[in-house]
Amino acid sequence: MPALAVADELRADGADVVFAGGERAEVTLVPEAGYELHRLRVQGLSRTNPLKAAKAAVMAVGAVVSAWRLLGRLKPDAVMGGGGYVAGVVGIAAVLRRIPLVLTEADSHLGVSNKLLARRARAMCLAFPLAGREGAPYVVTGRPVPPPFTDRAAARAQFGLADDDRCVLVFGGSLGARSVNLAAVDGLAGGGFRVLHASGTRDHEMLADRLGDPPPAGYDLRAYIAPFAPALAAADLCVARSGGSVFEVAAHGVPAILVPYPHAAADHQTANAAWMVDAGAAILIADADLTAEGLRSTVEELLGDPERLRAMADASASLARPDAAQAIAEQVTAAATAA
């Protein structure tokens, strides 16, 4: 999604944009957005299975060759890497062909591909300020996100919320976050507030059974909410993991209770959450400390203190980087024109 946001900015400025990707969400998202997608076969290196690691290494060599040929056919003026395995092999091919390379890092640490290629890039666009990553080629741009939904009244009407309803939004990603899902269903149902809960598909049936039929009044459990921006616009408070979605939360100025995923690479979700906590926009609850009773208590405490909630909302909004996609697009354009 961040790469698509940058692509839209580049296309609006008259650039021709083509994607190289793998077998994940880009297979549907990129063509749906109107961009050509060239698919490469590559996978991550296993840290626990030597045979799988060896297979992935051989596949990566083949992918670099395929990417080198692809760039030879396309003859791009610049290459932008969005992080991940495909970005790594295409970035290596760009370096070999001496094509200007711009990299982006969406997390609060550099991924393996970006660490490998950073010194060969014209610019490394960071979502967060990173210690020891100051000065060229590093530039803090923020993480591109879709434009926020700004009509709060329309958003609340979409979810059947009255003007005086207090709404807690719970979400955890495409598969969901089981610890967050269970704590929310067990702790927030039946409270004196509305709950809008996007559980992901994996746990949805189990959670629906746990809530009962009919579910408690005011508890709206859904597998997905699409588009998602209106849900953020309607909420007074959110409970979530702290991946890249923290930038969407900030774009909508929503106070947050964040429960970092404990097994994220380099524990980057804890660092992401700390970014919001330090600004006064969020409260962090460690996954190991999350309980239904504790979550209920924290939610009630925040909703019962409107002044604190407003201050957190203002702090959240202050972290937003609405110009992130444009800032990265400018780096790509500068690299292309300087070649």
C-alpha atoms as a PDB file:
ATOM      1  CA  MET A   1       0.000   0.000   0.000  1.00  0.00           C
ATOM      2  CA  PRO A   2       2.782   2.553   0.684  1.00  0.00           C
ATOM      3  CA  ALA A   3       4.338   1.711  -2.692  1.00  0.00           C
ATOM      4  CA  LEU A   4       1.002   2.214  -4.426  1.00  0.00           C
ATOM      5  CA  ALA A   5       0.593   5.602  -2.740  1.00  0.00           C
ATOM      6  CA  VAL A   6       4.009   6.686  -4.056  1.00  0.00           C
ATOM      7  CA  ALA A   7       3.196   5.255  -7.487  1.00  0.00           C
ATOM      8  CA  ASP A   8       0.028   7.352  -7.601  1.00  0.00           C
ATOM      9  CA  GLU A   9       2.046  10.491  -6.853  1.00  0.00           C
ATOM     10  CA  LEU A  10       4.584   9.637  -9.564  1.00  0.00           C
ATOM     11  CA  ARG A  11       1.860   8.872 -12.089  1.00  0.00           C
ATOM     12  CA  ALA A  12       0.109  12.148 -11.282  1.00  0.00           C
ATOM     13  CA  ASP A  13       3.387  13.908 -12.125  1.00  0.00           C
ATOM     14  CA  GLY A  14       3.502  12.197 -15.515  1.00  0.00           C
ATOM     15  CA  ALA A  15       5.817   9.284 -14.749  1.00  0.00           C
ATOM     16  CA  ASP A  16       5.407   5.788 -16.159  1.00  0.00           C
ATOM     17  CA  VAL A  17       5.287   3.349 -13.223  1.00  0.00           C
ATOM     18  CA  VAL A  18       5.760  -0.425 -13.439  1.00  0.00           C
ATOM     19  CA  PHE A  19       5.856  -2.864 -10.514  1.00  0.00           C
ATOM     20  CA  ALA A  20       7.969  -5.938  -9.873  1.00  0.00           C
ATOM     21  CA  GLY A  21       6.563  -8.207  -7.198  1.00  0.00           C
ATOM     22  CA  GLY A  22       6.138 -11.719  -5.901  1.00  0.00           C
ATOM     23  CA  GLU A  23       3.173 -13.900  -5.027  1.00  0.00           C
ATOM     24  CA  ARG A  24       1.624 -11.957  -2.172  1.00  0.00           C
ATOM     25  CA  ALA A  25      -1.020  -9.224  -1.994  1.00  0.00           C
ATOM     26  CA  GLU A  26       0.535  -7.329  -4.902  1.00  0.00           C
ATOM     27  CA  VAL A  27      -0.826  -9.978  -7.300  1.00  0.00           C
ATOM     28  CA  THR A  28      -4.299  -8.461  -6.913  1.00  0.00           C
ATOM     29  CA  LEU A  29      -3.675  -4.975  -5.497  1.00  0.00           C
ATOM     30  CA  VAL A  30      -1.276  -3.750  -8.196  1.00  0.00           C
ATOM     31  CA  PRO A  31      -3.393  -4.643 -11.272  1.00  0.00           C
ATOM     32  CA  GLU A  32      -6.513  -3.371  -9.506  1.00  0.00           C
ATOM     33  CA  ALA A  33      -4.763  -0.007  -9.114  1.00  0.00           C
ATOM     34  CA  GLY A  34      -4.045   0.077 -12.851  1.00  0.00           C
ATOM     35  CA  TYR A  35      -0.342  -0.792 -12.853  1.00  0.00           C
ATOM     36  CA  GLU A  36       1.573  -3.435 -14.782  1.00  0.00           C
ATOM     37  CA  LEU A  37       3.073  -6.122 -12.536  1.00  0.00           C
ATOM     38  CA  HIS A  38       6.080  -8.296 -13.389  1.00  0.00           C
ATOM     39  CA  ARG A  39       6.275 -11.274 -11.032  1.00  0.00           C
ATOM     40  CA  LEU A  40       9.524 -12.750  -9.717  1.00  0.00           C
ATOM     41  CA  ARG A  41       9.981 -16.001  -7.787  1.00  0.00           C
ATOM     42  CA  VAL A  42      11.752 -15.344  -4.522  1.00  0.00           C
ATOM     43  CA  GLN A  43      11.278 -16.203  -0.848  1.00  0.00           C
ATOM     44  CA  GLY A  44      12.817 -15.316   2.481  1.00  0.00           C
ATOM     45  CA  LEU A  45      15.805 -17.111   3.953  1.00  0.00           C
ATOM     46  CA  SER A  46      14.827 -19.524   6.731  1.00  0.00           C
ATOM     47  CA  ARG A  47      16.825 -19.056   9.937  1.00  0.00           C
ATOM     48  CA  THR A  48      15.865 -22.468  11.302  1.00  0.00           C
ATOM     49  CA  ASN A  49      15.892 -24.834   8.310  1.00  0.00           C
ATOM     50  CA  PRO A  50      19.213 -25.080   6.398  1.00  0.00           C
ATOM     51  CA  LEU A  51      17.633 -26.893   3.447  1.00  0.00           C
ATOM     52  CA  LYS A  52      14.951 -24.240   3.036  1.00  0.00           C
ATOM     53  CA  ALA A  53      17.591 -21.532   3.407  1.00  0.00           C
ATOM     54  CA  ALA A  54      19.717 -23.122   0.673  1.00  0.00           C
ATOM     55  CA  LYS A  55      16.709 -23.414  -1.630  1.00  0.00           C
ATOM     56  CA  ALA A  56      15.817 -19.757  -1.016  1.00  0.00           C
ATOM     57  CA  ALA A  57      19.411 -18.691  -1.736  1.00  0.00           C
ATOM     58  CA  VAL A  58      19.409 -20.514  -5.085  1.00  0.00           C
ATOM     59  CA  MET A  59      16.031 -18.999  -5.900  1.00  0.00           C
ATOM     60  CA  ALA A  60      17.356 -15.526  -5.019  1.00  0.00           C
ATOM     61  CA  VAL A  61      20.254 -15.890  -7.474  1.00  0.00           C
ATOM     62  CA  GLY A  62      17.802 -16.816 -10.216  1.00  0.00           C
ATOM     63  CA  ALA A  63      15.562 -13.899  -9.241  1.00  0.00           C
ATOM     64  CA  VAL A  64      18.470 -11.442  -9.502  1.00  0.00           C
ATOM     65  CA  VAL A  65      19.161 -12.718 -13.021  1.00  0.00           C
ATOM     66  CA  SER A  66      15.475 -12.360 -13.922  1.00  0.00           C
ATOM     67  CA  ALA A  67      15.381  -8.861 -12.427  1.00  0.00           C
ATOM     68  CA  TRP A  68      18.565  -7.895 -14.331  1.00  0.00           C
ATOM     69  CA  ARG A  69      16.912  -8.980 -17.592  1.00  0.00           C
ATOM     70  CA  LEU A  70      13.676  -7.208 -16.681  1.00  0.00           C
ATOM     71  CA  LEU A  71      15.465  -3.920 -16.043  1.00  0.00           C
ATOM     72  CA  GLY A  72      17.316  -4.370 -19.312  1.00  0.00           C
ATOM     73  CA  ARG A  73      13.987  -4.557 -21.152  1.00  0.00           C
ATOM     74  CA  LEU A  74      12.248  -1.763 -19.250  1.00  0.00           C
ATOM     75  CA  LYS A  75      15.230   0.624 -19.062  1.00  0.00           C
ATOM     76  CA  PRO A  76      13.830   2.575 -16.088  1.00  0.00           C
ATOM     77  CA  ASP A  77      15.228   5.953 -15.083  1.00  0.00           C
ATOM     78  CA  ALA A  78      15.057   4.933 -11.417  1.00  0.00           C
ATOM     79  CA  VAL A  79      14.108   1.994  -9.210  1.00  0.00           C
ATOM     80  CA  MET A  80      12.296   2.315  -5.883  1.00  0.00           C
ATOM     81  CA  GLY A  81      12.472  -0.514  -3.356  1.00  0.00           C
ATOM     82  CA  GLY A  82       9.566  -0.951  -0.991  1.00  0.00           C
ATOM     83  CA  GLY A  83      11.329  -3.373   1.356  1.00  0.00           C
ATOM     84  CA  GLY A  84      11.158  -7.163   1.369  1.00  0.00           C
ATOM     85  CA  TYR A  85      12.644  -9.972  -0.691  1.00  0.00           C
ATOM     86  CA  VAL A  86      11.633  -8.780  -4.161  1.00  0.00           C
ATOM     87  CA  ALA A  87      12.918  -5.280  -3.447  1.00  0.00           C
ATOM     88  CA  GLY A  88      16.238  -6.820  -2.483  1.00  0.00           C
ATOM     89  CA  VAL A  89      16.782  -8.751  -5.707  1.00  0.00           C
ATOM     90  CA  VAL A  90      15.543  -5.901  -7.924  1.00  0.00           C
ATOM     91  CA  GLY A  91      17.693  -3.464  -5.951  1.00  0.00           C
ATOM     92  CA  ILE A  92      20.771  -5.630  -6.552  1.00  0.00           C
ATOM     93  CA  ALA A  93      19.938  -5.763 -10.247  1.00  0.00           C
ATOM     94  CA  ALA A  94      19.550  -1.965 -10.310  1.00  0.00           C
ATOM     95  CA  VAL A  95      22.976  -1.526  -8.706  1.00  0.00           C
ATOM     96  CA  LEU A  96      24.531  -3.919 -11.223  1.00  0.00           C
ATOM     97  CA  ARG A  97      22.975  -1.938 -14.087  1.00  0.00           C
ATOM     98  CA  ARG A  98      23.914   1.404 -12.488  1.00  0.00           C
ATOM     99  CA  ILE A  99      20.297   2.523 -12.342  1.00  0.00           C
ATOM    100  CA  PRO A 100      19.576   5.081  -9.574  1.00  0.00           C
ATOM    101  CA  LEU A 101      18.064   3.353  -6.558  1.00  0.00           C
ATOM    102  CA  VAL A 102      15.786   4.838  -3.887  1.00  0.00           C
ATOM    103  CA  LEU A 103      14.834   2.672  -0.902  1.00  0.00           C
ATOM    104  CA  THR A 104      11.995   2.966   1.590  1.00  0.00           C
ATOM    105  CA  GLU A 105      11.772   1.504   5.107  1.00  0.00           C
ATOM    106  CA  ALA A 106       8.323   1.288   6.659  1.00  0.00           C
ATOM    107  CA  ASP A 107       9.398  -0.069  10.061  1.00  0.00           C
ATOM    108  CA  SER A 108      11.448   1.226  12.969  1.00  0.00           C
ATOM    109  CA  HIS A 109      14.467  -0.841  11.925  1.00  0.00           C
ATOM    110  CA  LEU A 110      16.172  -1.557   8.606  1.00  0.00           C
ATOM    111  CA  GLY A 111      15.244  -4.856   6.997  1.00  0.00           C
ATOM    112  CA  VAL A 112      17.902  -7.185   5.629  1.00  0.00           C
ATOM    113  CA  SER A 113      17.530  -5.982   2.030  1.00  0.00           C
ATOM    114  CA  ASN A 114      17.738  -2.334   3.013  1.00  0.00           C
ATOM    115  CA  LYS A 115      20.797  -2.900   5.210  1.00  0.00           C
ATOM    116  CA  LEU A 116      22.494  -4.607   2.270  1.00  0.00           C
ATOM    117  CA  LEU A 117      21.693  -1.876  -0.241  1.00  0.00           C
ATOM    118  CA  ALA A 118      21.614   1.333   1.835  1.00  0.00           C
ATOM    119  CA  ARG A 119      25.114   2.481   0.898  1.00  0.00           C
ATOM    120  CA  ARG A 120      24.360   2.069  -2.810  1.00  0.00           C
ATOM    121  CA  ALA A 121      21.100   4.039  -2.720  1.00  0.00           C
ATOM    122  CA  ARG A 122      20.615   7.658  -3.752  1.00  0.00           C
ATOM    123  CA  ALA A 123      18.156   7.997  -0.854  1.00  0.00           C
ATOM    124  CA  MET A 124      16.842   5.838   1.978  1.00  0.00           C
ATOM    125  CA  CYS A 125      13.394   7.106   2.972  1.00  0.00           C
ATOM    126  CA  LEU A 126      12.588   6.265   6.609  1.00  0.00           C
ATOM    127  CA  ALA A 127       9.172   6.055   8.205  1.00  0.00           C
ATOM    128  CA  PHE A 128      10.684   6.746  11.637  1.00  0.00           C
ATOM    129  CA  PRO A 129      13.820   8.561  12.792  1.00  0.00           C
ATOM    130  CA  LEU A 130      16.410   5.844  13.492  1.00  0.00           C
ATOM    131  CA  ALA A 131      19.399   6.263  15.766  1.00  0.00           C
ATOM    132  CA  GLY A 132      22.624   6.115  13.790  1.00  0.00           C
ATOM    133  CA  ARG A 133      20.793   6.657  10.484  1.00  0.00           C
ATOM    134  CA  GLU A 134      21.158  10.403  10.141  1.00  0.00           C
ATOM    135  CA  GLY A 135      22.461  12.338   7.159  1.00  0.00           C
ATOM    136  CA  ALA A 136      22.722  11.197   3.543  1.00  0.00           C
ATOM    137  CA  PRO A 137      21.364   8.933   2.193  1.00  0.00           C
ATOM    138  CA  TYR A 138      18.823   8.821   5.032  1.00  0.00           C
ATOM    139  CA  VAL A 139      15.778  11.092   5.001  1.00  0.00           C
ATOM    140  CA  VAL A 140      12.736  10.816   7.291  1.00  0.00           C
ATOM    141  CA  THR A 141       9.597  10.999   5.155  1.00  0.00           C
ATOM    142  CA  GLY A 142       7.064   9.050   7.207  1.00  0.00           C
ATOM    143  CA  ARG A 143       5.108   6.091   5.862  1.00  0.00           C
ATOM    144  CA  PRO A 144       2.659   6.726   3.011  1.00  0.00           C
ATOM    145  CA  VAL A 145      -0.940   5.882   3.852  1.00  0.00           C
ATOM    146  CA  PRO A 146      -4.237   6.437   2.034  1.00  0.00           C
ATOM    147  CA  PRO A 147      -5.797   9.885   2.555  1.00  0.00           C
ATOM    148  CA  PRO A 148      -7.780  10.028   5.832  1.00  0.00           C
ATOM    149  CA  PHE A 149     -11.568   9.941   5.806  1.00  0.00           C
ATOM    150  CA  THR A 150     -12.523  13.411   7.000  1.00  0.00           C
ATOM    151  CA  ASP A 151     -16.340  13.273   7.301  1.00  0.00           C
ATOM    152  CA  ARG A 152     -16.721  11.959  10.840  1.00  0.00           C
ATOM    153  CA  ALA A 153     -20.505  12.361  10.851  1.00  0.00           C
ATOM    154  CA  ALA A 154     -20.826  10.253   7.691  1.00  0.00           C
ATOM    155  CA  ALA A 155     -18.424   7.671   9.081  1.00  0.00           C
ATOM    156  CA  ARG A 156     -20.384   7.301  12.299  1.00  0.00           C
ATOM    157  CA  ALA A 157     -23.668   7.093  10.407  1.00  0.00           C
ATOM    158  CA  GLN A 158     -22.175   4.264   8.297  1.00  0.00           C
ATOM    159  CA  PHE A 159     -21.712   2.188  11.459  1.00  0.00           C
ATOM    160  CA  GLY A 160     -24.968   3.204  13.083  1.00  0.00           C
ATOM    161  CA  LEU A 161     -23.360   5.363  15.774  1.00  0.00           C
ATOM    162  CA  ALA A 162     -25.318   8.131  17.476  1.00  0.00           C
ATOM    163  CA  ASP A 163     -23.718  11.492  18.218  1.00  0.00           C
ATOM    164  CA  ASP A 164     -23.270  10.644  21.903  1.00  0.00           C
ATOM    165  CA  ASP A 165     -22.066   7.052  21.391  1.00  0.00           C
ATOM    166  CA  ARG A 166     -18.498   6.371  22.444  1.00  0.00           C
ATOM    167  CA  CYS A 167     -16.868   3.974  19.989  1.00  0.00           C
ATOM    168  CA  VAL A 168     -13.852   1.697  20.519  1.00  0.00           C
ATOM    169  CA  LEU A 169     -12.321   0.286  17.332  1.00  0.00           C
ATOM    170  CA  VAL A 170     -10.443  -3.029  17.674  1.00  0.00           C
ATOM    171  CA  PHE A 171      -8.296  -4.429  14.860  1.00  0.00           C
ATOM    172  CA  GLY A 172      -5.208  -6.538  14.320  1.00  0.00           C
ATOM    173  CA  GLY A 173      -4.436  -7.111  10.636  1.00  0.00           C
ATOM    174  CA  SER A 174      -5.643  -9.412   7.850  1.00  0.00           C
ATOM    175  CA  LEU A 175      -5.424 -12.565   9.974  1.00  0.00           C
ATOM    176  CA  GLY A 176      -6.167 -10.681  13.147  1.00  0.00           C
ATOM    177  CA  ALA A 177      -4.338 -10.782  16.466  1.00  0.00           C
ATOM    178  CA  ARG A 178      -5.629 -13.606  18.636  1.00  0.00           C
ATOM    179  CA  SER A 179      -4.604 -12.219  22.021  1.00  0.00           C
ATOM    180  CA  VAL A 180      -6.165  -8.848  21.174  1.00  0.00           C
ATOM    181  CA  ASN A 181      -9.268 -10.503  19.726  1.00  0.00           C
ATOM    182  CA  LEU A 182      -9.874 -12.602  22.834  1.00  0.00           C
ATOM    183  CA  ALA A 183      -9.192  -9.800  25.292  1.00  0.00           C
ATOM    184  CA  ALA A 184     -11.583  -7.523  23.401  1.00  0.00           C
ATOM    185  CA  VAL A 185     -14.428 -10.029  23.136  1.00  0.00           C
ATOM    186  CA  ASP A 186     -14.093 -11.136  26.758  1.00  0.00           C
ATOM    187  CA  GLY A 187     -13.385  -7.699  28.220  1.00  0.00           C
ATOM    188  CA  LEU A 188     -15.258  -5.118  26.165  1.00  0.00           C
ATOM    189  CA  ALA A 189     -18.578  -6.797  25.385  1.00  0.00           C
ATOM    190  CA  GLY A 190     -21.433  -5.386  27.428  1.00  0.00           C
ATOM    191  CA  GLY A 191     -19.626  -2.182  28.352  1.00  0.00           C
ATOM    192  CA  GLY A 192     -21.247   1.216  28.327  1.00  0.00           C
ATOM    193  CA  PHE A 193     -19.743   1.975  24.927  1.00  0.00           C
ATOM    194  CA  ARG A 194     -19.921   0.702  21.349  1.00  0.00           C
ATOM    195  CA  VAL A 195     -17.310  -1.684  19.979  1.00  0.00           C
ATOM    196  CA  LEU A 196     -16.426  -1.988  16.298  1.00  0.00           C
ATOM    197  CA  HIS A 197     -14.177  -5.035  15.960  1.00  0.00           C
ATOM    198  CA  ALA A 198     -12.388  -6.137  12.767  1.00  0.00           C
ATOM    199  CA  SER A 199     -11.166  -9.581  13.813  1.00  0.00           C
ATOM    200  CA  GLY A 200      -9.607 -10.948  10.623  1.00  0.00           C
ATOM    201  CA  THR A 201     -10.843 -14.171   9.060  1.00  0.00           C
ATOM    202  CA  ARG A 202      -8.937 -16.714  11.150  1.00  0.00           C
ATOM    203  CA  ASP A 203     -10.693 -16.056  14.476  1.00  0.00           C
ATOM    204  CA  HIS A 204     -13.996 -14.616  13.296  1.00  0.00           C
ATOM    205  CA  GLU A 205     -16.158 -17.733  13.653  1.00  0.00           C
ATOM    206  CA  MET A 206     -14.677 -18.614  17.044  1.00  0.00           C
ATOM    207  CA  LEU A 207     -15.192 -15.079  18.328  1.00  0.00           C
ATOM    208  CA  ALA A 208     -18.772 -14.965  17.049  1.00  0.00           C
ATOM    209  CA  ASP A 209     -19.519 -18.188  18.948  1.00  0.00           C
ATOM    210  CA  ARG A 210     -17.892 -16.710  22.043  1.00  0.00           C
ATOM    211  CA  LEU A 211     -20.078 -13.599  21.852  1.00  0.00           C
ATOM    212  CA  GLY A 212     -23.244 -15.643  21.354  1.00  0.00           C
ATOM    213  CA  ASP A 213     -26.257 -15.215  19.094  1.00  0.00           C
ATOM    214  CA  PRO A 214     -27.357 -12.517  19.223  1.00  0.00           C
ATOM    215  CA  PRO A 215     -24.150 -10.768  20.328  1.00  0.00           C
ATOM    216  CA  PRO A 216     -24.253  -8.296  23.209  1.00  0.00           C
ATOM    217  CA  ALA A 217     -25.882  -4.991  22.317  1.00  0.00           C
ATOM    218  CA  GLY A 218     -23.407  -2.501  20.939  1.00  0.00           C
ATOM    219  CA  TYR A 219     -20.780  -5.081  19.879  1.00  0.00           C
ATOM    220  CA  ASP A 220     -20.241  -5.091  16.101  1.00  0.00           C
ATOM    221  CA  LEU A 221     -17.908  -7.966  15.130  1.00  0.00           C
ATOM    222  CA  ARG A 222     -16.774  -8.175  11.510  1.00  0.00           C
ATOM    223  CA  ALA A 223     -14.079 -10.205   9.768  1.00  0.00           C
ATOM    224  CA  TYR A 224     -13.104  -7.236   7.595  1.00  0.00           C
ATOM    225  CA  ILE A 225     -13.966  -3.569   7.295  1.00  0.00           C
ATOM    226  CA  ALA A 226     -13.287  -2.225   3.816  1.00  0.00           C
ATOM    227  CA  PRO A 227     -12.601   0.551   3.199  1.00  0.00           C
ATOM    228  CA  PHE A 228     -11.064   0.912   6.649  1.00  0.00           C
ATOM    229  CA  ALA A 229     -10.577   4.676   6.884  1.00  0.00           C
ATOM    230  CA  PRO A 230     -14.225   5.413   7.849  1.00  0.00           C
ATOM    231  CA  ALA A 231     -13.857   3.079  10.852  1.00  0.00           C
ATOM    232  CA  LEU A 232     -10.894   5.116  12.092  1.00  0.00           C
ATOM    233  CA  ALA A 233     -12.793   8.345  11.470  1.00  0.00           C
ATOM    234  CA  ALA A 234     -15.747   7.056  13.506  1.00  0.00           C
ATOM    235  CA  ALA A 235     -13.721   5.869  16.502  1.00  0.00           C
ATOM    236  CA  ASP A 236     -13.011   7.677  19.769  1.00  0.00           C
ATOM    237  CA  LEU A 237     -10.305   5.174  20.741  1.00  0.00           C
ATOM    238  CA  CYS A 238      -8.634   2.199  19.083  1.00  0.00           C
ATOM    239  CA  VAL A 239      -7.101  -1.027  20.357  1.00  0.00           C
ATOM    240  CA  ALA A 240      -4.591  -2.506  17.931  1.00  0.00           C
ATOM    241  CA  ARG A 241      -1.222  -4.017  17.146  1.00  0.00           C
ATOM    242  CA  SER A 242       1.474  -1.486  16.281  1.00  0.00           C
ATOM    243  CA  GLY A 243       2.660  -2.320  12.789  1.00  0.00           C
ATOM    244  CA  GLY A 244       2.544   0.149   9.928  1.00  0.00           C
ATOM    245  CA  SER A 245      -1.080   0.907  10.777  1.00  0.00           C
ATOM    246  CA  VAL A 246       0.132   3.371  13.441  1.00  0.00           C
ATOM    247  CA  PHE A 247       0.520   5.903  10.631  1.00  0.00           C
ATOM    248  CA  GLU A 248      -3.128   5.448   9.595  1.00  0.00           C
ATOM    249  CA  VAL A 249      -4.148   5.854  13.236  1.00  0.00           C
ATOM    250  CA  ALA A 250      -2.140   9.084  13.422  1.00  0.00           C
ATOM    251  CA  ALA A 251      -3.548  10.321  10.111  1.00  0.00           C
ATOM    252  CA  HIS A 252      -7.013  10.161  11.685  1.00  0.00           C
ATOM    253  CA  GLY A 253      -5.890  11.564  15.042  1.00  0.00           C
ATOM    254  CA  VAL A 254      -7.167   8.579  17.034  1.00  0.00           C
ATOM    255  CA  PRO A 255      -5.922   7.853  20.576  1.00  0.00           C
ATOM    256  CA  ALA A 256      -4.671   4.279  20.865  1.00  0.00           C
ATOM    257  CA  ILE A 257      -4.075   1.349  23.166  1.00  0.00           C
ATOM    258  CA  LEU A 258      -1.306  -0.557  21.421  1.00  0.00           C
ATOM    259  CA  VAL A 259      -0.365  -4.199  21.997  1.00  0.00           C
ATOM    260  CA  PRO A 260       2.844  -4.885  20.024  1.00  0.00           C
ATOM    261  CA  TYR A 261       3.197  -8.284  18.373  1.00  0.00           C
ATOM    262  CA  PRO A 262       5.930  -9.879  20.499  1.00  0.00           C
ATOM    263  CA  HIS A 263       7.539 -11.875  17.667  1.00  0.00           C
ATOM    264  CA  ALA A 264       7.920  -9.055  15.126  1.00  0.00           C
ATOM    265  CA  ALA A 265      11.356  -8.762  13.518  1.00  0.00           C
ATOM    266  CA  ALA A 266      13.764  -6.830  15.755  1.00  0.00           C
ATOM    267  CA  ASP A 267      10.765  -6.184  18.046  1.00  0.00           C
ATOM    268  CA  HIS A 268       9.932  -3.272  15.765  1.00  0.00           C
ATOM    269  CA  GLN A 269       6.285  -3.120  16.857  1.00  0.00           C
ATOM    270  CA  THR A 270       7.375  -2.169  20.366  1.00  0.00           C
ATOM    271  CA  ALA A 271       9.499   0.627  18.888  1.00  0.00           C
ATOM    272  CA  ASN A 272       6.547   1.721  16.732  1.00  0.00           C
ATOM    273  CA  ALA A 273       4.304   1.850  19.782  1.00  0.00           C
ATOM    274  CA  ALA A 274       6.922   3.743  21.785  1.00  0.00           C
ATOM    275  CA  TRP A 275       6.915   6.420  19.058  1.00  0.00           C
ATOM    276  CA  MET A 276       3.236   7.081  19.777  1.00  0.00           C
ATOM    277  CA  VAL A 277       3.539   6.644  23.540  1.00  0.00           C
ATOM    278  CA  ASP A 278       6.405   9.140  23.765  1.00  0.00           C
ATOM    279  CA  ALA A 279       4.282  11.700  21.932  1.00  0.00           C
ATOM    280  CA  GLY A 280       1.402  11.190  24.378  1.00  0.00           C
ATOM    281  CA  ALA A 281      -0.831   9.591  21.728  1.00  0.00           C
ATOM    282  CA  ALA A 282      -1.029   6.017  23.015  1.00  0.00           C
ATOM    283  CA  ILE A 283      -0.788   3.585  25.904  1.00  0.00           C
ATOM    284  CA  LEU A 284       1.316   0.446  25.480  1.00  0.00           C
ATOM    285  CA  ILE A 285       0.256  -2.910  26.914  1.00  0.00           C
ATOM    286  CA  ALA A 286       2.717  -5.756  26.422  1.00  0.00           C
ATOM    287  CA  ASP A 287       1.145  -8.841  24.866  1.00  0.00           C
ATOM    288  CA  ALA A 288       2.169 -10.932  27.888  1.00  0.00           C
ATOM    289  CA  ASP A 289       0.381  -8.472  30.190  1.00  0.00           C
ATOM    290  CA  LEU A 290      -2.839  -8.233  28.174  1.00  0.00           C
ATOM    291  CA  THR A 291      -5.945  -9.474  29.976  1.00  0.00           C
ATOM    292  CA  ALA A 292      -9.641  -8.947  29.370  1.00  0.00           C
ATOM    293  CA  GLU A 293     -10.032  -7.252  32.749  1.00  0.00           C
ATOM    294  CA  GLY A 294      -7.009  -5.011  32.264  1.00  0.00           C
ATOM    295  CA  LEU A 295      -8.118  -3.958  28.798  1.00  0.00           C
ATOM    296  CA  ARG A 296     -11.633  -3.174  30.043  1.00  0.00           C
ATOM    297  CA  SER A 297     -10.200  -1.091  32.895  1.00  0.00           C
ATOM    298  CA  THR A 298      -7.884   0.880  30.598  1.00  0.00           C
ATOM    299  CA  VAL A 299     -10.643   1.565  28.063  1.00  0.00           C
ATOM    300  CA  GLU A 300     -13.056   2.718  30.751  1.00  0.00           C
ATOM    301  CA  GLU A 301     -10.400   4.930  32.329  1.00  0.00           C
ATOM    302  CA  LEU A 302      -9.678   6.690  29.018  1.00  0.00           C
ATOM    303  CA  LEU A 303     -13.292   7.043  27.922  1.00  0.00           C
ATOM    304  CA  GLY A 304     -14.100   8.428  31.363  1.00  0.00           C
ATOM    305  CA  ASP A 305     -11.532  11.214  30.995  1.00  0.00           C
ATOM    306  CA  PRO A 306     -12.553  13.282  27.947  1.00  0.00           C
ATOM    307  CA  GLU A 307      -9.845  15.875  28.534  1.00  0.00           C
ATOM    308  CA  ARG A 308      -7.085  13.253  28.475  1.00  0.00           C
ATOM    309  CA  LEU A 309      -8.635  11.596  25.430  1.00  0.00           C
ATOM    310  CA  ARG A 310      -8.675  14.923  23.553  1.00  0.00           C
ATOM    311  CA  ALA A 311      -5.026  15.525  24.432  1.00  0.00           C
ATOM    312  CA  MET A 312      -4.125  12.063  23.135  1.00  0.00           C
ATOM    313  CA  ALA A 313      -6.089  12.705  19.947  1.00  0.00           C
ATOM    314  CA  ASP A 314      -4.215  15.967  19.371  1.00  0.00           C
ATOM    315  CA  ALA A 315      -0.903  14.201  19.990  1.00  0.00           C
ATOM    316  CA  SER A 316      -1.850  11.445  17.554  1.00  0.00           C
ATOM    317  CA  ALA A 317      -2.740  13.949  14.846  1.00  0.00           C
ATOM    318  CA  SER A 318       0.566  15.771  15.395  1.00  0.00           C
ATOM    319  CA  LEU A 319       2.441  12.625  14.305  1.00  0.00           C
ATOM    320  CA  ALA A 320       0.675  12.378  10.940  1.00  0.00           C
ATOM    321  CA  ARG A 321       2.780  12.710   7.789  1.00  0.00           C
ATOM    322  CA  PRO A 322       0.197  13.403   5.064  1.00  0.00           C
ATOM    323  CA  ASP A 323       2.929  14.384   2.613  1.00  0.00           C
ATOM    324  CA  ALA A 324       4.921  11.131   2.952  1.00  0.00           C
ATOM    325  CA  ALA A 325       4.042   9.731  -0.480  1.00  0.00           C
ATOM    326  CA  GLN A 326       4.841  13.041  -2.156  1.00  0.00           C
ATOM    327  CA  ALA A 327       8.154  13.336  -0.289  1.00  0.00           C
ATOM    328  CA  ILE A 328       9.245   9.863  -1.430  1.00  0.00           C
ATOM    329  CA  ALA A 329       8.073  10.508  -4.985  1.00  0.00           C
ATOM    330  CA  GLU A 330      10.226  13.646  -5.040  1.00  0.00           C
ATOM    331  CA  GLN A 331      13.258  11.588  -4.000  1.00  0.00           C
ATOM    332  CA  VAL A 332      12.590   9.114  -6.822  1.00  0.00           C
ATOM    333  CA  THR A 333      12.143  11.885  -9.372  1.00  0.00           C
ATOM    334  CA  ALA A 334      15.317  13.609  -8.194  1.00  0.00           C
ATOM    335  CA  ALA A 335      17.268  10.363  -8.520  1.00  0.00           C
ATOM    336  CA  ALA A 336      15.903   9.749 -12.009  1.00  0.00           C
ATOM    337  CA  THR A 337      16.629  13.237 -13.295  1.00  0.00           C
ATOM    338  CA  ALA A 338      20.105  13.339 -11.769  1.00  0.00           C
ATOM    339  CA  ALA A 339      21.172  10.144 -13.529  1.00  0.00           C
END
